[in-house]
PDB file of N, CA and C in Angstrom:
ATOM      1  N   HIS A   1      -5.005 -12.333   7.682  1.00  0.00           N
ATOM      2  CA  HIS A   1      -4.896 -10.961   7.063  1.00  0.00           C
ATOM      3  C   HIS A   1      -6.044 -10.117   7.511  1.00  0.00           C
ATOM      4  N   PRO A   2      -5.892  -9.074   8.022  1.00  0.00           N
ATOM      5  CA  PRO A   2      -6.853  -8.089   8.664  1.00  0.00           C
ATOM      6  C   PRO A   2      -8.137  -7.955   7.707  1.00  0.00           C
ATOM      7  N   ASP A   3      -9.280  -7.920   8.426  1.00  0.00           N
ATOM      8  CA  ASP A   3     -10.520  -7.380   7.589  1.00  0.00           C
ATOM      9  C   ASP A   3     -10.552  -6.105   7.648  1.00  0.00           C
ATOM     10  N   LEU A   4     -10.348  -4.968   6.887  1.00  0.00           N
ATOM     11  CA  LEU A   4     -10.339  -3.648   6.970  1.00  0.00           C
ATOM     12  C   LEU A   4     -11.697  -2.952   7.277  1.00  0.00           C
ATOM     13  N   SER A   5     -12.539  -3.718   6.755  1.00  0.00           N
ATOM     14  CA  SER A   5     -13.993  -3.075   7.241  1.00  0.00           C
ATOM     15  C   SER A   5     -14.368  -3.241   8.607  1.00  0.00           C
ATOM     16  N   LYS A   6     -13.421  -3.887   9.338  1.00  0.00           N
ATOM     17  CA  LYS A   6     -13.823  -4.028  10.872  1.00  0.00           C
ATOM     18  C   LYS A   6     -13.076  -3.324  11.600  1.00  0.00           C
ATOM     19  N   MET A   7     -11.946  -2.682  11.185  1.00  0.00           N
ATOM     20  CA  MET A   7     -10.807  -2.189  11.762  1.00  0.00           C
ATOM     21  C   MET A   7     -11.247  -0.527  12.285  1.00  0.00           C
ATOM     22  N   SER A   8     -10.640  -0.096  13.230  1.00  0.00           N
ATOM     23  CA  SER A   8     -10.983   1.448  13.620  1.00  0.00           C
ATOM     24  C   SER A   8     -10.321   2.244  12.849  1.00  0.00           C
ATOM     25  N   LYS A   9     -10.425   3.476  12.863  1.00  0.00           N
ATOM     26  CA  LYS A   9      -9.599   4.553  12.200  1.00  0.00           C
ATOM     27  C   LYS A   9      -8.290   4.427  12.813  1.00  0.00           C
ATOM     28  N   HIS A  10      -7.945   4.281  13.993  1.00  0.00           N
ATOM     29  CA  HIS A  10      -6.607   4.154  14.767  1.00  0.00           C
ATOM     30  C   HIS A  10      -5.982   3.081  14.066  1.00  0.00           C
ATOM     31  N   GLU A  11      -6.622   1.689  14.012  1.00  0.00           N
ATOM     32  CA  GLU A  11      -6.166   0.783  13.371  1.00  0.00           C
ATOM     33  C   GLU A  11      -5.508   0.698  11.902  1.00  0.00           C
ATOM     34  N   LEU A  12      -6.400   1.437  11.079  1.00  0.00           N
ATOM     35  CA  LEU A  12      -6.338   1.637   9.587  1.00  0.00           C
ATOM     36  C   LEU A  12      -4.931   2.409   9.818  1.00  0.00           C
ATOM     37  N   ALA A  13      -4.980   3.456  10.452  1.00  0.00           N
ATOM     38  CA  ALA A  13      -3.807   4.417  10.411  1.00  0.00           C
ATOM     39  C   ALA A  13      -2.505   3.517  10.838  1.00  0.00           C
ATOM     40  N   GLY A  14      -2.536   2.637  11.753  1.00  0.00           N
ATOM     41  CA  GLY A  14      -1.399   1.863  11.942  1.00  0.00           C
ATOM     42  C   GLY A  14      -0.770   0.961  10.881  1.00  0.00           C
ATOM     43  N   GLU A  15      -2.092   0.430  10.323  1.00  0.00           N
ATOM     44  CA  GLU A  15      -1.709  -0.390   8.925  1.00  0.00           C
ATOM     45  C   GLU A  15      -1.220   0.438   8.020  1.00  0.00           C
ATOM     46  N   LYS A  16      -1.738   1.579   7.546  1.00  0.00           N
ATOM     47  CA  LYS A  16      -0.990   2.370   6.679  1.00  0.00           C
ATOM     48  C   LYS A  16       0.406   2.879   6.877  1.00  0.00           C
ATOM     49  N   ARG A  17       0.783   3.050   8.222  1.00  0.00           N
ATOM     50  CA  ARG A  17       2.024   3.512   8.593  1.00  0.00           C
ATOM     51  C   ARG A  17       2.846   2.261   8.164  1.00  0.00           C
ATOM     52  N   ARG A  18       2.443   1.041   8.388  1.00  0.00           N
ATOM     53  CA  ARG A  18       3.319  -0.157   8.219  1.00  0.00           C
ATOM     54  C   ARG A  18       3.607  -0.307   6.679  1.00  0.00           C
ATOM     55  N   VAL A  19       2.289  -0.297   6.036  1.00  0.00           N
ATOM     56  CA  VAL A  19       2.329  -0.442   4.509  1.00  0.00           C
ATOM     57  C   VAL A  19       3.638   0.631   3.771  1.00  0.00           C
ATOM     58  N   LYS A  20       3.138   1.934   4.345  1.00  0.00           N
ATOM     59  CA  LYS A  20       4.252   2.930   3.782  1.00  0.00           C
ATOM     60  C   LYS A  20       5.772   2.821   3.984  1.00  0.00           C
ATOM     61  N   GLN A  21       6.036   2.349   5.218  1.00  0.00           N
ATOM     62  CA  GLN A  21       7.274   1.657   5.446  1.00  0.00           C
ATOM     63  C   GLN A  21       7.742   0.580   4.646  1.00  0.00           C
ATOM     64  N   GLU A  22       6.966  -0.225   4.307  1.00  0.00           N
ATOM     65  CA  GLU A  22       7.243  -1.269   3.274  1.00  0.00           C
ATOM     66  C   GLU A  22       7.614  -0.764   1.973  1.00  0.00           C
ATOM     67  N   LEU A  23       6.889   0.299   1.508  1.00  0.00           N
ATOM     68  CA  LEU A  23       7.077   0.973   0.229  1.00  0.00           C
ATOM     69  C   LEU A  23       8.464   1.669   0.340  1.00  0.00           C
ATOM     70  N   LYS A  24       8.549   2.317   1.339  1.00  0.00           N
ATOM     71  CA  LYS A  24       9.897   3.039   1.464  1.00  0.00           C
ATOM     72  C   LYS A  24      11.274   2.397   1.610  1.00  0.00           C
ATOM     73  N   ARG A  25      10.881   1.118   2.263  1.00  0.00           N
ATOM     74  CA  ARG A  25      11.888   0.140   2.233  1.00  0.00           C
ATOM     75  C   ARG A  25      12.385  -0.314   1.143  1.00  0.00           C
ATOM     76  N   TYR A  26      11.346  -0.675   0.194  1.00  0.00           N
ATOM     77  CA  TYR A  26      11.638  -1.140  -1.186  1.00  0.00           C
ATOM     78  C   TYR A  26      12.645   0.042  -1.992  1.00  0.00           C
ATOM     79  N   ASP A  27      12.240   1.329  -1.975  1.00  0.00           N
ATOM     80  CA  ASP A  27      12.983   2.393  -2.483  1.00  0.00           C
ATOM     81  C   ASP A  27      14.445   2.163  -2.021  1.00  0.00           C
ATOM     82  N   ALA A  28      14.452   2.308  -0.738  1.00  0.00           N
ATOM     83  CA  ALA A  28      15.687   2.149  -0.124  1.00  0.00           C
ATOM     84  C   ALA A  28      16.743   0.998  -0.483  1.00  0.00           C
ATOM     85  N   GLU A  29      16.021  -0.182  -0.513  1.00  0.00           N
ATOM     86  CA  GLU A  29      16.945  -1.061  -0.826  1.00  0.00           C
ATOM     87  C   GLU A  29      17.442  -1.265  -2.214  1.00  0.00           C
ATOM     88  N   PHE A  30      16.277  -0.777  -3.138  1.00  0.00           N
ATOM     89  CA  PHE A  30      16.619  -0.693  -4.515  1.00  0.00           C
ATOM     90  C   PHE A  30      17.845   0.450  -4.724  1.00  0.00           C
ATOM     91  N   LYS A  31      17.829   1.472  -4.138  1.00  0.00           N
ATOM     92  CA  LYS A  31      18.788   2.555  -3.995  1.00  0.00           C
ATOM     93  C   LYS A  31      20.330   1.973  -3.632  1.00  0.00           C
ATOM     94  N   LYS A  32      20.161   1.167  -2.718  1.00  0.00           N
ATOM     95  CA  LYS A  32      21.348   0.594  -2.005  1.00  0.00           C
ATOM     96  C   LYS A  32      22.086  -0.467  -3.079  1.00  0.00           C
ATOM     97  N   GLN A  33      21.207  -0.959  -3.638  1.00  0.00           N
ATOM     98  CA  GLN A  33      21.896  -2.035  -4.677  1.00  0.00           C
ATOM     99  C   GLN A  33      22.235  -1.363  -5.965  1.00  0.00           C
ATOM    100  N   PHE A  34      21.180  -0.419  -6.471  1.00  0.00           N
ATOM    101  CA  PHE A  34      21.501   0.054  -8.019  1.00  0.00           C
ATOM    102  C   PHE A  34      22.067   1.542  -7.886  1.00  0.00           C
ATOM    103  N   MET A  35      22.166   2.321  -6.882  1.00  0.00           N
ATOM    104  CA  MET A  35      22.762   3.515  -6.474  1.00  0.00           C
ATOM    105  C   MET A  35      21.787   4.613  -7.250  1.00  0.00           C
ATOM    106  N   ARG A  36      20.466   4.161  -7.410  1.00  0.00           N
ATOM    107  CA  ARG A  36      19.643   5.167  -7.679  1.00  0.00           C
ATOM    108  C   ARG A  36      18.063   4.827  -7.353  1.00  0.00           C
ATOM    109  N   PHE A  37      17.250   5.546  -7.424  1.00  0.00           N
ATOM    110  CA  PHE A  37      15.879   5.386  -7.060  1.00  0.00           C
ATOM    111  C   PHE A  37      15.097   4.608  -8.359  1.00  0.00           C
ATOM    112  N   PRO A  38      14.348   3.496  -7.915  1.00  0.00           N
ATOM    113  CA  PRO A  38      13.553   3.002  -9.102  1.00  0.00           C
ATOM    114  C   PRO A  38      12.895   3.786  -9.948  1.00  0.00           C
ATOM    115  N   THR A  39      12.699   3.393 -11.134  1.00  0.00           N
ATOM    116  CA  THR A  39      11.781   4.063 -12.100  1.00  0.00           C
ATOM    117  C   THR A  39      10.190   3.554 -11.684  1.00  0.00           C
ATOM    118  N   HIS A  40       9.262   4.384 -12.508  1.00  0.00           N
ATOM    119  CA  HIS A  40       7.921   3.625 -12.464  1.00  0.00           C
ATOM    120  C   HIS A  40       7.882   2.406 -12.860  1.00  0.00           C
ATOM    121  N   MET A  41       8.457   1.950 -13.794  1.00  0.00           N
ATOM    122  CA  MET A  41       8.438   0.657 -14.219  1.00  0.00           C
ATOM    123  C   MET A  41       8.996  -0.371 -13.168  1.00  0.00           C
ATOM    124  N   GLU A  42      10.107   0.067 -12.637  1.00  0.00           N
ATOM    125  CA  GLU A  42      10.658  -0.841 -11.597  1.00  0.00           C
ATOM    126  C   GLU A  42       9.913  -0.926 -10.272  1.00  0.00           C
ATOM    127  N   LYS A  43       8.940  -0.091 -10.164  1.00  0.00           N
ATOM    128  CA  LYS A  43       8.056  -0.224  -8.992  1.00  0.00           C
ATOM    129  C   LYS A  43       6.923  -1.141  -9.502  1.00  0.00           C
ATOM    130  N   GLU A  44       6.626  -1.631 -10.633  1.00  0.00           N
ATOM    131  CA  GLU A  44       5.752  -2.340 -10.893  1.00  0.00           C
ATOM    132  C   GLU A  44       5.530  -3.511 -10.125  1.00  0.00           C
ATOM    133  N   PRO A  45       6.394  -4.365  -9.537  1.00  0.00           N
ATOM    134  CA  PRO A  45       6.171  -5.340  -8.784  1.00  0.00           C
ATOM    135  C   PRO A  45       5.448  -4.969  -7.477  1.00  0.00           C
ATOM    136  N   MET A  46       5.614  -3.777  -7.123  1.00  0.00           N
ATOM    137  CA  MET A  46       4.880  -3.409  -5.672  1.00  0.00           C
ATOM    138  C   MET A  46       3.538  -2.631  -6.024  1.00  0.00           C
ATOM    139  N   ARG A  47       2.990  -2.706  -7.158  1.00  0.00           N
ATOM    140  CA  ARG A  47       1.709  -2.182  -7.474  1.00  0.00           C
ATOM    141  C   ARG A  47       0.526  -2.406  -6.635  1.00  0.00           C
ATOM    142  N   PRO A  48       0.609  -3.890  -6.001  1.00  0.00           N
ATOM    143  CA  PRO A  48      -0.567  -4.458  -5.161  1.00  0.00           C
ATOM    144  C   PRO A  48      -0.382  -3.634  -3.898  1.00  0.00           C
ATOM    145  N   LEU A  49       0.780  -3.315  -3.336  1.00  0.00           N
ATOM    146  CA  LEU A  49       0.788  -2.676  -2.218  1.00  0.00           C
ATOM    147  C   LEU A  49       0.492  -1.381  -2.290  1.00  0.00           C
ATOM    148  N   TYR A  50       0.838  -0.525  -3.541  1.00  0.00           N
ATOM    149  CA  TYR A  50       0.529   0.837  -3.635  1.00  0.00           C
ATOM    150  C   TYR A  50      -1.137   0.696  -3.729  1.00  0.00           C
ATOM    151  N   VAL A  51      -1.877  -0.267  -4.290  1.00  0.00           N
ATOM    152  CA  VAL A  51      -3.301  -0.062  -4.379  1.00  0.00           C
ATOM    153  C   VAL A  51      -3.776  -0.303  -3.003  1.00  0.00           C
ATOM    154  N   TYR A  52      -3.134  -1.155  -1.997  1.00  0.00           N
ATOM    155  CA  TYR A  52      -3.758  -1.558  -0.910  1.00  0.00           C
ATOM    156  C   TYR A  52      -3.577  -0.221  -0.090  1.00  0.00           C
ATOM    157  N   TYR A  53      -2.426   0.435  -0.081  1.00  0.00           N
ATOM    158  CA  TYR A  53      -1.873   1.650   0.448  1.00  0.00           C
ATOM    159  C   TYR A  53      -3.158   2.777   0.027  1.00  0.00           C
ATOM    160  N   ARG A  54      -3.505   2.931  -1.040  1.00  0.00           N
ATOM    161  CA  ARG A  54      -4.316   3.812  -1.343  1.00  0.00           C
ATOM    162  C   ARG A  54      -5.699   3.531  -0.887  1.00  0.00           C
ATOM    163  N   ARG A  55      -6.226   2.114  -0.555  1.00  0.00           N
ATOM    164  CA  ARG A  55      -7.429   1.864  -0.133  1.00  0.00           C
ATOM    165  C   ARG A  55      -7.527   2.206   1.387  1.00  0.00           C
ATOM    166  N   LEU A  56      -6.288   2.078   2.142  1.00  0.00           N
ATOM    167  CA  LEU A  56      -6.483   2.273   3.292  1.00  0.00           C
ATOM    168  C   LEU A  56      -6.214   3.869   3.657  1.00  0.00           C
ATOM    169  N   LYS A  57      -5.822   4.561   2.784  1.00  0.00           N
ATOM    170  CA  LYS A  57      -6.006   6.104   3.022  1.00  0.00           C
ATOM    171  C   LYS A  57      -7.311   6.550   2.665  1.00  0.00           C
ATOM    172  N   THR A  58      -8.069   5.774   1.800  1.00  0.00           N
ATOM    173  CA  THR A  58      -9.553   6.336   1.342  1.00  0.00           C
ATOM    174  C   THR A  58     -10.309   5.821   2.527  1.00  0.00           C
ATOM    175  N   MET A  59     -10.026   4.795   3.046  1.00  0.00           N
ATOM    176  CA  MET A  59     -10.895   4.427   4.311  1.00  0.00           C
ATOM    177  C   MET A  59     -10.696   5.333   5.466  1.00  0.00           C
ATOM    178  N   ILE A  60      -9.612   5.904   5.756  1.00  0.00           N
ATOM    179  CA  ILE A  60      -9.359   6.663   6.632  1.00  0.00           C
ATOM    180  C   ILE A  60      -9.931   7.953   6.426  1.00  0.00           C
ATOM    181  N   SER A  61      -9.970   8.262   5.256  1.00  0.00           N
ATOM    182  CA  SER A  61     -10.630   9.958   4.925  1.00  0.00           C
ATOM    183  C   SER A  61     -12.131   9.524   5.161  1.00  0.00           C
ATOM    184  N   GLN A  62     -12.615   8.311   4.790  1.00  0.00           N
ATOM    185  CA  GLN A  62     -14.118   8.117   4.793  1.00  0.00           C
ATOM    186  C   GLN A  62     -14.493   8.075   6.196  1.00  0.00           C
ATOM    187  N   ALA A  63     -13.549   7.549   7.303  1.00  0.00           N
ATOM    188  CA  ALA A  63     -14.179   7.450   8.661  1.00  0.00           C
ATOM    189  C   ALA A  63     -13.982   8.965   9.099  1.00  0.00           C
ATOM    190  N   GLU A  64     -13.078   9.607   8.624  1.00  0.00           N
ATOM    191  CA  GLU A  64     -12.976  11.001   9.180  1.00  0.00           C
ATOM    192  C   GLU A  64     -14.269  11.844   8.657  1.00  0.00           C
ATOM    193  N   GLN A  65     -14.718  11.718   7.421  1.00  0.00           N
ATOM    194  CA  GLN A  65     -15.823  12.385   6.959  1.00  0.00           C
ATOM    195  C   GLN A  65     -17.158  11.803   7.805  1.00  0.00           C
ATOM    196  N   ASN A  66     -17.087  10.541   7.968  1.00  0.00           N
ATOM    197  CA  ASN A  66     -18.264   9.957   8.654  1.00  0.00           C
ATOM    198  C   ASN A  66     -18.363  10.531  10.033  1.00  0.00           C
ATOM    199  N   LYS A  67     -17.252  10.557  10.601  1.00  0.00           N
ATOM    200  CA  LYS A  67     -17.127  11.179  12.088  1.00  0.00           C
ATOM    201  C   LYS A  67     -17.832  12.595  12.165  1.00  0.00           C
ATOM    202  N   SER A  68     -17.618  13.350  11.256  1.00  0.00           N
ATOM    203  CA  SER A  68     -18.282  14.699  11.177  1.00  0.00           C
ATOM    204  C   SER A  68     -19.707  14.745  10.908  1.00  0.00           C
ATOM    205  N   GLY A  69     -20.114  13.735  10.189  1.00  0.00           N
ATOM    206  CA  GLY A  69     -21.538  13.657   9.866  1.00  0.00           C
ATOM    207  C   GLY A  69     -22.334  12.948  10.671  1.00  0.00           C
ATOM    208  N   ARG A  70     -21.907  11.537  11.111  1.00  0.00           N
ATOM    209  CA  ARG A  70     -22.785  10.690  12.067  1.00  0.00           C
ATOM    210  C   ARG A  70     -21.997   9.898  12.749  1.00  0.00           C
ATOM    211  N   ARG A  71     -22.473   9.488  13.831  1.00  0.00           N
ATOM    212  CA  ARG A  71     -21.942   8.459  14.737  1.00  0.00           C
ATOM    213  C   ARG A  71     -22.073   7.231  14.250  1.00  0.00           C
ATOM    214  N   GLY A  72     -20.947   6.575  14.382  1.00  0.00           N
ATOM    215  CA  GLY A  72     -21.049   4.983  13.810  1.00  0.00           C
ATOM    216  C   GLY A  72     -20.604   3.893  15.001  1.00  0.00           C
ATOM    217  N   SER A  73     -20.028   2.881  14.671  1.00  0.00           N
ATOM    218  CA  SER A  73     -19.774   1.809  15.396  1.00  0.00           C
ATOM    219  C   SER A  73     -18.251   2.091  15.557  1.00  0.00           C
ATOM    220  N   GLY A  74     -17.632   2.715  14.864  1.00  0.00           N
ATOM    221  CA  GLY A  74     -16.008   2.943  14.994  1.00  0.00           C
ATOM    222  C   GLY A  74     -15.393   2.338  13.667  1.00  0.00           C
ATOM    223  N   THR A  75     -16.157   1.436  13.049  1.00  0.00           N
ATOM    224  CA  THR A  75     -15.543   0.591  12.094  1.00  0.00           C
ATOM    225  C   THR A  75     -15.829   1.444  10.678  1.00  0.00           C
ATOM    226  N   VAL A  76     -15.064   1.101   9.801  1.00  0.00           N
ATOM    227  CA  VAL A  76     -15.289   1.938   8.318  1.00  0.00           C
ATOM    228  C   VAL A  76     -15.123   0.873   7.232  1.00  0.00           C
ATOM    229  N   ALA A  77     -15.854   1.378   6.174  1.00  0.00           N
ATOM    230  CA  ALA A  77     -15.787   0.541   4.887  1.00  0.00           C
ATOM    231  C   ALA A  77     -14.921   1.493   3.812  1.00  0.00           C
ATOM    232  N   GLY A  78     -14.509   0.827   2.883  1.00  0.00           N
ATOM    233  CA  GLY A  78     -13.743   1.628   2.026  1.00  0.00           C
ATOM    234  C   GLY A  78     -13.931   1.171   0.626  1.00  0.00           C
ATOM    235  N   GLY A  79     -13.256   2.205  -0.260  1.00  0.00           N
ATOM    236  CA  GLY A  79     -13.288   1.896  -1.716  1.00  0.00           C
ATOM    237  C   GLY A  79     -12.218   2.391  -2.354  1.00  0.00           C
ATOM    238  N   GLY A  80     -12.144   3.207  -3.319  1.00  0.00           N
ATOM    239  CA  GLY A  80     -10.958   3.585  -4.462  1.00  0.00           C
ATOM    240  C   GLY A  80     -10.311   4.875  -3.598  1.00  0.00           C
ATOM    241  N   SER A  81      -9.292   5.391  -4.543  1.00  0.00           N
ATOM    242  CA  SER A  81      -8.748   6.627  -3.826  1.00  0.00           C
ATOM    243  C   SER A  81      -8.018   7.256  -5.104  1.00  0.00           C
ATOM    244  N   ASP A  82      -7.490   8.544  -4.844  1.00  0.00           N
ATOM    245  CA  ASP A  82      -6.865   9.116  -6.059  1.00  0.00           C
ATOM    246  C   ASP A  82      -5.472   9.408  -5.549  1.00  0.00           C
ATOM    247  N   ASP A  83      -4.859   8.518  -4.606  1.00  0.00           N
ATOM    248  CA  ASP A  83      -3.507   8.710  -4.244  1.00  0.00           C
ATOM    249  C   ASP A  83      -2.435   8.189  -5.016  1.00  0.00           C
ATOM    250  N   GLU A  84      -1.099   8.735  -4.877  1.00  0.00           N
ATOM    251  CA  GLU A  84      -0.134   8.447  -5.805  1.00  0.00           C
ATOM    252  C   GLU A  84       0.198   6.761  -5.742  1.00  0.00           C
ATOM    253  N   GLY A  85       0.993   6.663  -6.805  1.00  0.00           N
ATOM    254  CA  GLY A  85       1.461   5.206  -6.940  1.00  0.00           C
ATOM    255  C   GLY A  85       0.970   4.792  -8.203  1.00  0.00           C
ATOM    256  N   PRO A  86       1.563   3.802  -8.643  1.00  0.00           N
ATOM    257  CA  PRO A  86       1.132   3.069 -10.170  1.00  0.00           C
ATOM    258  C   PRO A  86      -0.232   2.253 -10.207  1.00  0.00           C
ATOM    259  N   GLY A  87      -0.909   2.631 -10.962  1.00  0.00           N
ATOM    260  CA  GLY A  87      -2.164   1.832 -11.356  1.00  0.00           C
ATOM    261  C   GLY A  87      -3.296   2.172 -10.706  1.00  0.00           C
ATOM    262  N   SER A  88      -4.501   2.027 -11.095  1.00  0.00           N
ATOM    263  CA  SER A  88      -5.677   2.348 -10.389  1.00  0.00           C
ATOM    264  C   SER A  88      -6.620   1.085 -10.231  1.00  0.00           C
ATOM    265  N   GLY A  89      -6.003  -0.238 -10.398  1.00  0.00           N
ATOM    266  CA  GLY A  89      -7.053  -1.359 -10.269  1.00  0.00           C
ATOM    267  C   GLY A  89      -7.325  -1.473  -8.799  1.00  0.00           C
ATOM    268  N   ARG A  90      -8.091  -2.203  -8.401  1.00  0.00           N
ATOM    269  CA  ARG A  90      -8.446  -2.283  -6.847  1.00  0.00           C
ATOM    270  C   ARG A  90      -8.384  -4.158  -6.780  1.00  0.00           C
ATOM    271  N   LEU A  91      -7.656  -4.333  -5.717  1.00  0.00           N
ATOM    272  CA  LEU A  91      -7.274  -5.578  -5.246  1.00  0.00           C
ATOM    273  C   LEU A  91      -7.624  -5.850  -3.719  1.00  0.00           C
ATOM    274  N   ASN A  92      -8.100  -6.806  -3.358  1.00  0.00           N
ATOM    275  CA  ASN A  92      -8.113  -7.251  -1.774  1.00  0.00           C
ATOM    276  C   ASN A  92      -6.895  -7.417  -1.268  1.00  0.00           C
ATOM    277  N   PRO A  93      -6.990  -7.073   0.143  1.00  0.00           N
ATOM    278  CA  PRO A  93      -5.713  -6.931   0.895  1.00  0.00           C
ATOM    279  C   PRO A  93      -4.801  -8.342   0.788  1.00  0.00           C
ATOM    280  N   ARG A  94      -5.515  -9.313   0.750  1.00  0.00           N
ATOM    281  CA  ARG A  94      -4.720 -10.390   0.693  1.00  0.00           C
ATOM    282  C   ARG A  94      -3.862 -10.610  -0.677  1.00  0.00           C
ATOM    283  N   GLU A  95      -4.281 -10.041  -1.643  1.00  0.00           N
ATOM    284  CA  GLU A  95      -3.524  -9.826  -3.092  1.00  0.00           C
ATOM    285  C   GLU A  95      -2.480  -8.957  -2.959  1.00  0.00           C
ATOM    286  N   SER A  96      -2.650  -7.814  -2.053  1.00  0.00           N
ATOM    287  CA  SER A  96      -1.466  -7.035  -2.061  1.00  0.00           C
ATOM    288  C   SER A  96      -0.397  -7.466  -1.597  1.00  0.00           C
ATOM    289  N   TYR A  97      -0.210  -8.606  -0.906  1.00  0.00           N
ATOM    290  CA  TYR A  97       1.202  -9.107  -0.276  1.00  0.00           C
ATOM    291  C   TYR A  97       1.748 -10.043  -1.243  1.00  0.00           C
ATOM    292  N   GLY A  98       1.160 -10.412  -2.307  1.00  0.00           N
ATOM    293  CA  GLY A  98       1.703 -11.309  -3.085  1.00  0.00           C
ATOM    294  C   GLY A  98       3.088 -11.188  -3.666  1.00  0.00           C
ATOM    295  N   ASN A  99       3.078  -9.923  -4.014  1.00  0.00           N
ATOM    296  CA  ASN A  99       4.488  -9.486  -4.674  1.00  0.00           C
ATOM    297  C   ASN A  99       5.486  -8.703  -3.658  1.00  0.00           C
ATOM    298  N   ALA A 100       5.204  -9.242  -2.300  1.00  0.00           N
ATOM    299  CA  ALA A 100       6.321  -8.549  -1.405  1.00  0.00           C
ATOM    300  C   ALA A 100       7.722  -8.806  -1.691  1.00  0.00           C
ATOM    301  N   ASP A 101       7.788  -9.924  -2.497  1.00  0.00           N
ATOM    302  CA  ASP A 101       9.427 -10.241  -2.863  1.00  0.00           C
ATOM    303  C   ASP A 101       9.748  -9.565  -4.236  1.00  0.00           C
ATOM    304  N   GLY A 102       9.074  -8.393  -4.709  1.00  0.00           N
ATOM    305  CA  GLY A 102       9.467  -7.910  -6.003  1.00  0.00           C
ATOM    306  C   GLY A 102      10.886  -7.371  -6.025  1.00  0.00           C
ATOM    307  N   LEU A 103      11.384  -7.016  -4.944  1.00  0.00           N
ATOM    308  CA  LEU A 103      12.707  -6.581  -5.069  1.00  0.00           C
ATOM    309  C   LEU A 103      13.691  -7.711  -5.382  1.00  0.00           C
ATOM    310  N   GLU A 104      13.578  -8.631  -4.821  1.00  0.00           N
ATOM    311  CA  GLU A 104      14.102 -10.062  -5.033  1.00  0.00           C
ATOM    312  C   GLU A 104      14.101 -10.377  -6.550  1.00  0.00           C
ATOM    313  N   GLY A 105      12.903 -10.213  -7.095  1.00  0.00           N
ATOM    314  CA  GLY A 105      12.880 -10.366  -8.502  1.00  0.00           C
ATOM    315  C   GLY A 105      13.552  -9.644  -9.428  1.00  0.00           C
ATOM    316  N   LEU A 106      13.788  -8.396  -9.243  1.00  0.00           N
ATOM    317  CA  LEU A 106      14.424  -7.323  -9.820  1.00  0.00           C
ATOM    318  C   LEU A 106      15.919  -7.570  -9.681  1.00  0.00           C
ATOM    319  N   ARG A 107      16.271  -8.165  -8.602  1.00  0.00           N
ATOM    320  CA  ARG A 107      17.822  -8.403  -8.331  1.00  0.00           C
ATOM    321  C   ARG A 107      18.116  -9.472  -9.139  1.00  0.00           C
ATOM    322  N   ARG A 108      17.069 -10.579  -9.300  1.00  0.00           N
ATOM    323  CA  ARG A 108      17.660 -11.689 -10.090  1.00  0.00           C
ATOM    324  C   ARG A 108      17.701 -11.241 -11.385  1.00  0.00           C
ATOM    325  N   ALA A 109      16.511 -10.447 -12.019  1.00  0.00           N
ATOM    326  CA  ALA A 109      16.402  -9.932 -13.261  1.00  0.00           C
ATOM    327  C   ALA A 109      17.656  -8.987 -13.749  1.00  0.00           C
ATOM    328  N   ASN A 110      18.433  -8.345 -12.746  1.00  0.00           N
ATOM    329  CA  ASN A 110      19.401  -7.347 -13.215  1.00  0.00           C
ATOM    330  C   ASN A 110      20.775  -8.159 -12.789  1.00  0.00           C
ATOM    331  N   SER A 111      20.878  -9.183 -12.323  1.00  0.00           N
ATOM    332  CA  SER A 111      22.272  -9.837 -12.091  1.00  0.00           C
ATOM    333  C   SER A 111      22.817 -10.092 -13.277  1.00  0.00           C
ATOM    334  N   VAL A 112      23.864 -10.263 -13.313  1.00  0.00           N
ATOM    335  CA  VAL A 112      24.862 -10.698 -14.320  1.00  0.00           C
ATOM    336  C   VAL A 112      25.647 -11.942 -13.992  1.00  0.00           C
ATOM    337  N   GLU A 113      25.372 -13.055 -14.693  1.00  0.00           N
ATOM    338  CA  GLU A 113      25.914 -14.281 -14.267  1.00  0.00           C
ATOM    339  C   GLU A 113      27.293 -14.567 -15.123  1.00  0.00           C
TER     340      GLU A 113
END
């Protein structure tokens, strides 16, 4: 898994796009199966990915602020954010992928036997 603190702003932006696509894919797959978008609670399995997405956004924002203030090595370090998404806890990026199968878990929970 990538070390975010060593990534350039361009690399962070690419990672942010990838994570955003994953979050949108979850919503689209949920809608395809249940004919509606997931509620806040139904997005809970994706919380770690939302936290990771917020962290990426914060790091990009900090890189932009640093660029206007001082010249650096092109890498950034990050912290929290005020972005959308459930929760405000902070996880490292490795933890964020632990629930990538959240939609499958919802399918199992909502299936009728």
